[in-house]
PDB file of N, CA and C in Angstrom:
ATOM      1  N   MET A   1      -3.695 -31.668 -41.386  1.00  0.00           N
ATOM      2  CA  MET A   1      -5.072 -32.238 -41.020  1.00  0.00           C
ATOM      3  C   MET A   1      -5.164 -31.924 -39.499  1.00  0.00           C
ATOM      4  N   LEU A   2      -6.471 -31.505 -39.242  1.00  0.00           N
ATOM      5  CA  LEU A   2      -6.909 -31.517 -38.004  1.00  0.00           C
ATOM      6  C   LEU A   2      -7.866 -32.416 -37.598  1.00  0.00           C
ATOM      7  N   ILE A   3      -7.822 -32.855 -36.419  1.00  0.00           N
ATOM      8  CA  ILE A   3      -8.804 -33.800 -36.119  1.00  0.00           C
ATOM      9  C   ILE A   3      -9.098 -33.640 -34.817  1.00  0.00           C
ATOM     10  N   ILE A   4     -10.565 -33.902 -34.211  1.00  0.00           N
ATOM     11  CA  ILE A   4     -10.978 -33.501 -33.116  1.00  0.00           C
ATOM     12  C   ILE A   4     -11.865 -34.560 -32.444  1.00  0.00           C
ATOM     13  N   GLU A   5     -11.760 -34.910 -31.223  1.00  0.00           N
ATOM     14  CA  GLU A   5     -12.258 -35.785 -30.385  1.00  0.00           C
ATOM     15  C   GLU A   5     -13.753 -35.521 -30.586  1.00  0.00           C
ATOM     16  N   ILE A   6     -14.933 -36.196 -30.670  1.00  0.00           N
ATOM     17  CA  ILE A   6     -16.203 -36.148 -30.984  1.00  0.00           C
ATOM     18  C   ILE A   6     -17.024 -35.671 -29.526  1.00  0.00           C
ATOM     19  N   THR A   7     -16.471 -36.390 -28.416  1.00  0.00           N
ATOM     20  CA  THR A   7     -17.172 -36.046 -27.182  1.00  0.00           C
ATOM     21  C   THR A   7     -16.363 -35.092 -26.489  1.00  0.00           C
ATOM     22  N   ALA A   8     -17.135 -34.201 -26.232  1.00  0.00           N
ATOM     23  CA  ALA A   8     -16.497 -33.260 -25.223  1.00  0.00           C
ATOM     24  C   ALA A   8     -15.733 -33.364 -23.899  1.00  0.00           C
ATOM     25  N   LEU A   9     -14.793 -32.835 -23.132  1.00  0.00           N
ATOM     26  CA  LEU A   9     -14.346 -32.926 -22.220  1.00  0.00           C
ATOM     27  C   LEU A   9     -15.165 -32.420 -21.269  1.00  0.00           C
ATOM     28  N   GLU A  10     -15.141 -32.525 -19.900  1.00  0.00           N
ATOM     29  CA  GLU A  10     -16.042 -32.168 -18.944  1.00  0.00           C
ATOM     30  C   GLU A  10     -16.277 -30.675 -18.852  1.00  0.00           C
ATOM     31  N   ASN A  11     -15.207 -29.753 -19.392  1.00  0.00           N
ATOM     32  CA  ASN A  11     -15.289 -28.310 -19.249  1.00  0.00           C
ATOM     33  C   ASN A  11     -15.917 -27.897 -20.605  1.00  0.00           C
ATOM     34  N   GLY A  12     -16.142 -28.592 -21.524  1.00  0.00           N
ATOM     35  CA  GLY A  12     -16.893 -28.212 -22.754  1.00  0.00           C
ATOM     36  C   GLY A  12     -15.620 -28.380 -23.877  1.00  0.00           C
ATOM     37  N   ALA A  13     -14.617 -28.596 -23.705  1.00  0.00           N
ATOM     38  CA  ALA A  13     -13.585 -28.350 -24.686  1.00  0.00           C
ATOM     39  C   ALA A  13     -13.349 -29.720 -25.539  1.00  0.00           C
ATOM     40  N   HIS A  14     -12.772 -29.723 -26.621  1.00  0.00           N
ATOM     41  CA  HIS A  14     -12.608 -31.020 -27.362  1.00  0.00           C
ATOM     42  C   HIS A  14     -11.247 -31.302 -27.476  1.00  0.00           C
ATOM     43  N   ARG A  15     -10.652 -32.240 -27.335  1.00  0.00           N
ATOM     44  CA  ARG A  15      -9.423 -32.540 -27.425  1.00  0.00           C
ATOM     45  C   ARG A  15      -8.899 -32.701 -28.998  1.00  0.00           C
ATOM     46  N   ASN A  16      -7.894 -32.026 -29.521  1.00  0.00           N
ATOM     47  CA  ASN A  16      -7.609 -32.215 -30.813  1.00  0.00           C
ATOM     48  C   ASN A  16      -6.252 -32.292 -31.286  1.00  0.00           C
ATOM     49  N   GLN A  17      -5.963 -32.688 -32.375  1.00  0.00           N
ATOM     50  CA  GLN A  17      -4.711 -32.803 -32.954  1.00  0.00           C
ATOM     51  C   GLN A  17      -4.524 -32.251 -34.435  1.00  0.00           C
ATOM     52  N   THR A  18      -3.341 -31.788 -34.652  1.00  0.00           N
ATOM     53  CA  THR A  18      -2.992 -31.334 -36.115  1.00  0.00           C
ATOM     54  C   THR A  18      -1.594 -32.269 -36.320  1.00  0.00           C
ATOM     55  N   GLY A  19      -1.655 -32.815 -37.789  1.00  0.00           N
ATOM     56  CA  GLY A  19      -0.574 -33.574 -38.253  1.00  0.00           C
ATOM     57  C   GLY A  19      -1.226 -34.466 -39.357  1.00  0.00           C
ATOM     58  N   THR A  20      -0.374 -35.348 -39.665  1.00  0.00           N
ATOM     59  CA  THR A  20      -0.473 -36.495 -40.838  1.00  0.00           C
ATOM     60  C   THR A  20      -0.867 -37.493 -40.155  1.00  0.00           C
ATOM     61  N   PHE A  21      -2.075 -38.068 -40.475  1.00  0.00           N
ATOM     62  CA  PHE A  21      -2.617 -39.530 -39.721  1.00  0.00           C
ATOM     63  C   PHE A  21      -3.045 -40.542 -40.856  1.00  0.00           C
ATOM     64  N   ARG A  22      -2.375 -41.754 -40.638  1.00  0.00           N
ATOM     65  CA  ARG A  22      -2.790 -42.971 -41.542  1.00  0.00           C
ATOM     66  C   ARG A  22      -4.170 -43.094 -41.207  1.00  0.00           C
ATOM     67  N   THR A  23      -4.530 -43.339 -39.729  1.00  0.00           N
ATOM     68  CA  THR A  23      -5.873 -43.816 -39.417  1.00  0.00           C
ATOM     69  C   THR A  23      -6.399 -42.580 -38.557  1.00  0.00           C
ATOM     70  N   ILE A  24      -7.617 -42.554 -38.347  1.00  0.00           N
ATOM     71  CA  ILE A  24      -8.227 -41.895 -37.357  1.00  0.00           C
ATOM     72  C   ILE A  24      -8.513 -42.518 -36.054  1.00  0.00           C
ATOM     73  N   PRO A  25      -8.420 -42.076 -34.933  1.00  0.00           N
ATOM     74  CA  PRO A  25      -8.718 -42.972 -33.662  1.00  0.00           C
ATOM     75  C   PRO A  25     -10.421 -43.050 -33.541  1.00  0.00           C
ATOM     76  N   ASP A  26     -10.873 -44.255 -32.992  1.00  0.00           N
ATOM     77  CA  ASP A  26     -12.414 -44.220 -32.851  1.00  0.00           C
ATOM     78  C   ASP A  26     -12.491 -43.143 -31.875  1.00  0.00           C
ATOM     79  N   GLY A  27     -13.986 -42.548 -32.023  1.00  0.00           N
ATOM     80  CA  GLY A  27     -14.225 -41.507 -31.300  1.00  0.00           C
ATOM     81  C   GLY A  27     -13.895 -39.891 -31.779  1.00  0.00           C
ATOM     82  N   TRP A  28     -12.930 -39.833 -33.121  1.00  0.00           N
ATOM     83  CA  TRP A  28     -12.449 -38.694 -33.320  1.00  0.00           C
ATOM     84  C   TRP A  28     -12.857 -38.614 -34.792  1.00  0.00           C
ATOM     85  N   ALA A  29     -12.921 -37.339 -35.231  1.00  0.00           N
ATOM     86  CA  ALA A  29     -13.323 -37.089 -36.621  1.00  0.00           C
ATOM     87  C   ALA A  29     -12.338 -36.083 -37.183  1.00  0.00           C
ATOM     88  N   VAL A  30     -12.278 -35.775 -38.555  1.00  0.00           N
ATOM     89  CA  VAL A  30     -11.341 -35.044 -39.235  1.00  0.00           C
ATOM     90  C   VAL A  30     -12.330 -33.830 -39.564  1.00  0.00           C
ATOM     91  N   VAL A  31     -11.509 -32.801 -39.514  1.00  0.00           N
ATOM     92  CA  VAL A  31     -12.234 -31.432 -39.574  1.00  0.00           C
ATOM     93  C   VAL A  31     -11.531 -30.962 -40.989  1.00  0.00           C
ATOM     94  N   PRO A  32     -12.731 -30.655 -42.098  1.00  0.00           N
ATOM     95  CA  PRO A  32     -12.306 -30.592 -43.275  1.00  0.00           C
ATOM     96  C   PRO A  32     -12.064 -28.788 -43.410  1.00  0.00           C
ATOM     97  N   ALA A  33     -10.987 -28.572 -44.233  1.00  0.00           N
ATOM     98  CA  ALA A  33     -10.457 -27.488 -44.557  1.00  0.00           C
ATOM     99  C   ALA A  33     -11.435 -26.607 -44.759  1.00  0.00           C
ATOM    100  N   GLU A  34     -12.505 -26.572 -45.118  1.00  0.00           N
ATOM    101  CA  GLU A  34     -13.616 -25.646 -45.670  1.00  0.00           C
ATOM    102  C   GLU A  34     -14.604 -25.414 -44.376  1.00  0.00           C
ATOM    103  N   ILE A  35     -14.342 -26.206 -43.248  1.00  0.00           N
ATOM    104  CA  ILE A  35     -15.100 -25.798 -41.975  1.00  0.00           C
ATOM    105  C   ILE A  35     -14.455 -24.570 -41.390  1.00  0.00           C
ATOM    106  N   GLU A  36     -15.202 -23.515 -41.017  1.00  0.00           N
ATOM    107  CA  GLU A  36     -14.721 -22.452 -40.494  1.00  0.00           C
ATOM    108  C   GLU A  36     -14.607 -22.822 -38.757  1.00  0.00           C
ATOM    109  N   ILE A  37     -13.176 -22.470 -38.285  1.00  0.00           N
ATOM    110  CA  ILE A  37     -13.227 -22.760 -36.901  1.00  0.00           C
ATOM    111  C   ILE A  37     -13.375 -21.493 -36.032  1.00  0.00           C
ATOM    112  N   PRO A  38     -14.404 -21.647 -35.206  1.00  0.00           N
ATOM    113  CA  PRO A  38     -14.741 -20.400 -34.465  1.00  0.00           C
ATOM    114  C   PRO A  38     -13.742 -19.936 -33.472  1.00  0.00           C
ATOM    115  N   ASP A  39     -13.817 -18.835 -33.000  1.00  0.00           N
ATOM    116  CA  ASP A  39     -12.772 -18.012 -31.931  1.00  0.00           C
ATOM    117  C   ASP A  39     -12.681 -18.936 -30.594  1.00  0.00           C
ATOM    118  N   THR A  40     -14.019 -19.708 -30.442  1.00  0.00           N
ATOM    119  CA  THR A  40     -13.774 -20.240 -29.044  1.00  0.00           C
ATOM    120  C   THR A  40     -13.196 -21.427 -28.924  1.00  0.00           C
ATOM    121  N   PHE A  41     -12.873 -21.991 -30.281  1.00  0.00           N
ATOM    122  CA  PHE A  41     -12.224 -23.407 -30.271  1.00  0.00           C
ATOM    123  C   PHE A  41     -10.962 -23.400 -29.224  1.00  0.00           C
ATOM    124  N   PRO A  42     -10.962 -24.616 -28.549  1.00  0.00           N
ATOM    125  CA  PRO A  42     -11.677 -25.884 -28.480  1.00  0.00           C
ATOM    126  C   PRO A  42     -12.865 -26.010 -27.934  1.00  0.00           C
ATOM    127  N   PHE A  43     -13.532 -24.950 -27.315  1.00  0.00           N
ATOM    128  CA  PHE A  43     -14.783 -24.778 -26.755  1.00  0.00           C
ATOM    129  C   PHE A  43     -15.945 -24.708 -27.935  1.00  0.00           C
ATOM    130  N   VAL A  44     -16.149 -25.830 -28.626  1.00  0.00           N
ATOM    131  CA  VAL A  44     -17.249 -25.709 -29.728  1.00  0.00           C
ATOM    132  C   VAL A  44     -18.246 -26.680 -29.704  1.00  0.00           C
ATOM    133  N   ASP A  45     -19.191 -26.706 -30.383  1.00  0.00           N
ATOM    134  CA  ASP A  45     -20.164 -27.761 -30.696  1.00  0.00           C
ATOM    135  C   ASP A  45     -19.984 -28.237 -31.949  1.00  0.00           C
ATOM    136  N   ILE A  46     -19.968 -29.666 -32.118  1.00  0.00           N
ATOM    137  CA  ILE A  46     -19.728 -30.254 -33.220  1.00  0.00           C
ATOM    138  C   ILE A  46     -20.624 -31.293 -33.667  1.00  0.00           C
ATOM    139  N   GLU A  47     -20.983 -31.355 -35.022  1.00  0.00           N
ATOM    140  CA  GLU A  47     -21.692 -32.552 -35.491  1.00  0.00           C
ATOM    141  C   GLU A  47     -20.752 -33.154 -36.342  1.00  0.00           C
ATOM    142  N   ALA A  48     -20.677 -34.496 -36.338  1.00  0.00           N
ATOM    143  CA  ALA A  48     -19.796 -35.547 -37.289  1.00  0.00           C
ATOM    144  C   ALA A  48     -20.836 -36.602 -37.705  1.00  0.00           C
ATOM    145  N   GLU A  49     -20.038 -36.928 -39.083  1.00  0.00           N
ATOM    146  CA  GLU A  49     -20.869 -37.929 -39.590  1.00  0.00           C
ATOM    147  C   GLU A  49     -19.793 -38.754 -40.398  1.00  0.00           C
ATOM    148  N   ASP A  50     -19.763 -40.065 -40.150  1.00  0.00           N
ATOM    149  CA  ASP A  50     -18.619 -41.110 -40.793  1.00  0.00           C
ATOM    150  C   ASP A  50     -17.277 -40.415 -40.847  1.00  0.00           C
ATOM    151  N   GLY A  51     -16.837 -39.996 -39.595  1.00  0.00           N
ATOM    152  CA  GLY A  51     -15.605 -39.524 -39.449  1.00  0.00           C
ATOM    153  C   GLY A  51     -15.196 -38.196 -39.728  1.00  0.00           C
ATOM    154  N   MET A  52     -16.185 -37.487 -40.274  1.00  0.00           N
ATOM    155  CA  MET A  52     -15.860 -36.340 -40.730  1.00  0.00           C
ATOM    156  C   MET A  52     -16.845 -35.190 -40.082  1.00  0.00           C
ATOM    157  N   VAL A  53     -16.141 -33.833 -39.627  1.00  0.00           N
ATOM    158  CA  VAL A  53     -17.126 -33.062 -38.790  1.00  0.00           C
ATOM    159  C   VAL A  53     -18.035 -32.328 -39.877  1.00  0.00           C
ATOM    160  N   THR A  54     -19.194 -32.387 -39.752  1.00  0.00           N
ATOM    161  CA  THR A  54     -20.108 -31.538 -40.737  1.00  0.00           C
ATOM    162  C   THR A  54     -20.596 -30.329 -40.181  1.00  0.00           C
ATOM    163  N   SER A  55     -20.456 -29.903 -38.968  1.00  0.00           N
ATOM    164  CA  SER A  55     -20.566 -28.745 -38.823  1.00  0.00           C
ATOM    165  C   SER A  55     -19.931 -28.224 -37.341  1.00  0.00           C
ATOM    166  N   MET A  56     -19.635 -27.158 -37.198  1.00  0.00           N
ATOM    167  CA  MET A  56     -18.836 -26.532 -35.926  1.00  0.00           C
ATOM    168  C   MET A  56     -19.347 -25.468 -35.661  1.00  0.00           C
ATOM    169  N   THR A  57     -19.947 -25.067 -34.466  1.00  0.00           N
ATOM    170  CA  THR A  57     -20.265 -23.592 -34.142  1.00  0.00           C
ATOM    171  C   THR A  57     -19.585 -23.403 -32.560  1.00  0.00           C
ATOM    172  N   ALA A  58     -19.712 -22.191 -32.269  1.00  0.00           N
ATOM    173  CA  ALA A  58     -19.093 -21.489 -31.032  1.00  0.00           C
ATOM    174  C   ALA A  58     -19.425 -22.202 -29.834  1.00  0.00           C
ATOM    175  N   GLY A  59     -18.984 -22.386 -29.077  1.00  0.00           N
ATOM    176  CA  GLY A  59     -19.413 -23.049 -27.832  1.00  0.00           C
ATOM    177  C   GLY A  59     -19.034 -21.939 -26.461  1.00  0.00           C
ATOM    178  N   VAL A  60     -19.158 -22.464 -25.235  1.00  0.00           N
ATOM    179  CA  VAL A  60     -19.094 -21.550 -24.258  1.00  0.00           C
ATOM    180  C   VAL A  60     -17.741 -21.851 -23.574  1.00  0.00           C
ATOM    181  N   VAL A  61     -16.821 -20.821 -23.454  1.00  0.00           N
ATOM    182  CA  VAL A  61     -15.792 -20.608 -22.797  1.00  0.00           C
ATOM    183  C   VAL A  61     -15.895 -20.504 -21.435  1.00  0.00           C
ATOM    184  N   PRO A  62     -15.550 -21.484 -20.477  1.00  0.00           N
ATOM    185  CA  PRO A  62     -15.704 -21.298 -19.190  1.00  0.00           C
ATOM    186  C   PRO A  62     -14.701 -19.968 -18.815  1.00  0.00           C
ATOM    187  N   GLU A  63     -15.212 -19.481 -17.329  1.00  0.00           N
ATOM    188  CA  GLU A  63     -14.680 -18.518 -17.044  1.00  0.00           C
ATOM    189  C   GLU A  63     -13.569 -19.143 -16.049  1.00  0.00           C
ATOM    190  N   PRO A  64     -12.294 -18.401 -16.207  1.00  0.00           N
ATOM    191  CA  PRO A  64     -11.177 -19.042 -15.386  1.00  0.00           C
ATOM    192  C   PRO A  64     -11.295 -19.157 -14.156  1.00  0.00           C
ATOM    193  N   GLU A  65     -10.449 -19.916 -13.501  1.00  0.00           N
ATOM    194  CA  GLU A  65     -10.529 -20.330 -11.965  1.00  0.00           C
ATOM    195  C   GLU A  65     -10.006 -19.132 -11.247  1.00  0.00           C
ATOM    196  N   PRO A  66     -10.432 -18.510 -10.378  1.00  0.00           N
ATOM    197  CA  PRO A  66      -9.710 -17.776  -9.619  1.00  0.00           C
ATOM    198  C   PRO A  66      -8.358 -17.886  -9.169  1.00  0.00           C
ATOM    199  N   GLU A  67      -7.578 -17.180  -8.981  1.00  0.00           N
ATOM    200  CA  GLU A  67      -6.232 -17.076  -8.507  1.00  0.00           C
ATOM    201  C   GLU A  67      -6.372 -17.690  -6.929  1.00  0.00           C
ATOM    202  N   PRO A  68      -5.665 -18.839  -6.391  1.00  0.00           N
ATOM    203  CA  PRO A  68      -5.741 -18.911  -4.949  1.00  0.00           C
ATOM    204  C   PRO A  68      -5.259 -17.796  -4.157  1.00  0.00           C
ATOM    205  N   VAL A  69      -5.717 -17.369  -3.083  1.00  0.00           N
ATOM    206  CA  VAL A  69      -5.423 -16.137  -2.148  1.00  0.00           C
ATOM    207  C   VAL A  69      -4.242 -16.684  -1.387  1.00  0.00           C
ATOM    208  N   PRO A  70      -2.858 -16.198  -1.535  1.00  0.00           N
ATOM    209  CA  PRO A  70      -1.768 -16.745  -0.811  1.00  0.00           C
ATOM    210  C   PRO A  70      -2.005 -16.501   0.837  1.00  0.00           C
ATOM    211  N   GLU A  71      -1.725 -17.586   1.392  1.00  0.00           N
ATOM    212  CA  GLU A  71      -1.761 -17.350   3.171  1.00  0.00           C
ATOM    213  C   GLU A  71      -0.818 -16.378   3.415  1.00  0.00           C
ATOM    214  N   PRO A  72      -1.194 -15.330   4.264  1.00  0.00           N
ATOM    215  CA  PRO A  72      -0.186 -14.141   4.928  1.00  0.00           C
ATOM    216  C   PRO A  72       1.058 -14.900   5.383  1.00  0.00           C
ATOM    217  N   ALA A  73       1.888 -13.988   5.297  1.00  0.00           N
ATOM    218  CA  ALA A  73       3.321 -14.226   5.735  1.00  0.00           C
ATOM    219  C   ALA A  73       3.267 -14.279   7.322  1.00  0.00           C
ATOM    220  N   PRO A  74       4.048 -15.232   8.156  1.00  0.00           N
ATOM    221  CA  PRO A  74       3.862 -15.193   9.482  1.00  0.00           C
ATOM    222  C   PRO A  74       4.476 -13.753   9.936  1.00  0.00           C
ATOM    223  N   THR A  75       3.966 -13.467  11.173  1.00  0.00           N
ATOM    224  CA  THR A  75       4.235 -12.330  11.935  1.00  0.00           C
ATOM    225  C   THR A  75       5.891 -12.368  12.235  1.00  0.00           C
ATOM    226  N   GLU A  76       6.305 -11.514  12.833  1.00  0.00           N
ATOM    227  CA  GLU A  76       7.678 -11.604  13.298  1.00  0.00           C
ATOM    228  C   GLU A  76       7.833 -12.316  14.524  1.00  0.00           C
ATOM    229  N   ALA A  77       6.752 -12.343  15.326  1.00  0.00           N
ATOM    230  CA  ALA A  77       6.642 -13.157  16.661  1.00  0.00           C
ATOM    231  C   ALA A  77       6.624 -14.622  16.361  1.00  0.00           C
ATOM    232  N   GLU A  78       5.554 -14.861  15.224  1.00  0.00           N
ATOM    233  CA  GLU A  78       5.344 -16.284  14.947  1.00  0.00           C
ATOM    234  C   GLU A  78       6.342 -16.765  14.500  1.00  0.00           C
ATOM    235  N   GLN A  79       7.212 -16.128  13.497  1.00  0.00           N
ATOM    236  CA  GLN A  79       8.600 -16.746  12.867  1.00  0.00           C
ATOM    237  C   GLN A  79       9.695 -16.926  14.033  1.00  0.00           C
ATOM    238  N   LEU A  80       9.818 -15.970  15.214  1.00  0.00           N
ATOM    239  CA  LEU A  80      10.651 -16.254  16.195  1.00  0.00           C
ATOM    240  C   LEU A  80      10.311 -17.288  17.001  1.00  0.00           C
ATOM    241  N   ARG A  81       8.876 -17.634  17.386  1.00  0.00           N
ATOM    242  CA  ARG A  81       8.491 -18.605  17.984  1.00  0.00           C
ATOM    243  C   ARG A  81       8.804 -19.746  17.278  1.00  0.00           C
ATOM    244  N   ALA A  82       8.542 -20.190  15.995  1.00  0.00           N
ATOM    245  CA  ALA A  82       8.767 -21.376  14.902  1.00  0.00           C
ATOM    246  C   ALA A  82      10.429 -21.439  15.107  1.00  0.00           C
ATOM    247  N   ASP A  83      11.373 -20.468  15.196  1.00  0.00           N
ATOM    248  CA  ASP A  83      12.594 -20.579  14.955  1.00  0.00           C
ATOM    249  C   ASP A  83      13.113 -21.296  16.630  1.00  0.00           C
ATOM    250  N   VAL A  84      12.692 -20.720  17.454  1.00  0.00           N
ATOM    251  CA  VAL A  84      12.916 -21.121  18.896  1.00  0.00           C
ATOM    252  C   VAL A  84      12.432 -22.730  18.907  1.00  0.00           C
ATOM    253  N   ASP A  85      11.229 -23.024  18.424  1.00  0.00           N
ATOM    254  CA  ASP A  85      10.672 -24.237  18.758  1.00  0.00           C
ATOM    255  C   ASP A  85      11.549 -25.330  17.866  1.00  0.00           C
ATOM    256  N   PHE A  86      11.930 -24.867  16.732  1.00  0.00           N
ATOM    257  CA  PHE A  86      12.885 -25.883  15.960  1.00  0.00           C
ATOM    258  C   PHE A  86      14.358 -25.902  16.536  1.00  0.00           C
ATOM    259  N   ILE A  87      14.719 -24.987  16.957  1.00  0.00           N
ATOM    260  CA  ILE A  87      16.150 -24.992  17.781  1.00  0.00           C
ATOM    261  C   ILE A  87      15.951 -26.078  18.909  1.00  0.00           C
ATOM    262  N   ALA A  88      14.908 -25.679  19.670  1.00  0.00           N
ATOM    263  CA  ALA A  88      14.785 -26.735  20.654  1.00  0.00           C
ATOM    264  C   ALA A  88      14.470 -28.032  20.547  1.00  0.00           C
ATOM    265  N   ALA A  89      13.843 -28.320  19.282  1.00  0.00           N
ATOM    266  CA  ALA A  89      13.714 -29.780  18.946  1.00  0.00           C
ATOM    267  C   ALA A  89      14.982 -30.121  18.569  1.00  0.00           C
ATOM    268  N   MET A  90      15.713 -29.525  17.747  1.00  0.00           N
ATOM    269  CA  MET A  90      16.941 -30.096  17.241  1.00  0.00           C
ATOM    270  C   MET A  90      18.174 -30.389  18.330  1.00  0.00           C
ATOM    271  N   THR A  91      17.974 -29.765  19.388  1.00  0.00           N
ATOM    272  CA  THR A  91      19.207 -29.775  20.548  1.00  0.00           C
ATOM    273  C   THR A  91      18.452 -30.633  21.603  1.00  0.00           C
ATOM    274  N   GLY A  92      17.300 -31.030  21.482  1.00  0.00           N
ATOM    275  CA  GLY A  92      16.626 -31.999  22.573  1.00  0.00           C
ATOM    276  C   GLY A  92      16.200 -31.173  23.721  1.00  0.00           C
ATOM    277  N   VAL A  93      16.046 -29.791  23.661  1.00  0.00           N
ATOM    278  CA  VAL A  93      15.661 -29.218  24.992  1.00  0.00           C
ATOM    279  C   VAL A  93      13.969 -29.174  24.783  1.00  0.00           C
ATOM    280  N   THR A  94      13.387 -29.553  26.089  1.00  0.00           N
ATOM    281  CA  THR A  94      11.945 -29.244  26.172  1.00  0.00           C
ATOM    282  C   THR A  94      11.744 -27.710  26.534  1.00  0.00           C
ATOM    283  N   LEU A  95      10.518 -27.626  26.146  1.00  0.00           N
ATOM    284  CA  LEU A  95      10.091 -26.100  26.391  1.00  0.00           C
ATOM    285  C   LEU A  95       9.128 -26.007  27.210  1.00  0.00           C
TER     286      LEU A  95
END
């Protein structure tokens, strides 16, 4: 059995669970087997009545977040300065 939270998340997706349930939590509805699940699931628009989904249509899948741009590796001079500063700090030498 598939159940779906009636209220969509901020990104438009609906939380959902598949399993055997004795009770359906408040705010959730059962998706009947005869309901066609769109390719955009869980990004769907649903209508529910009395704890049962009565219609499900395709929603809008948001564009993925771009990968963060990594910081450039330090130059050889920057790495050497960092090493010198570290050795100085560890040995108590003031530069």
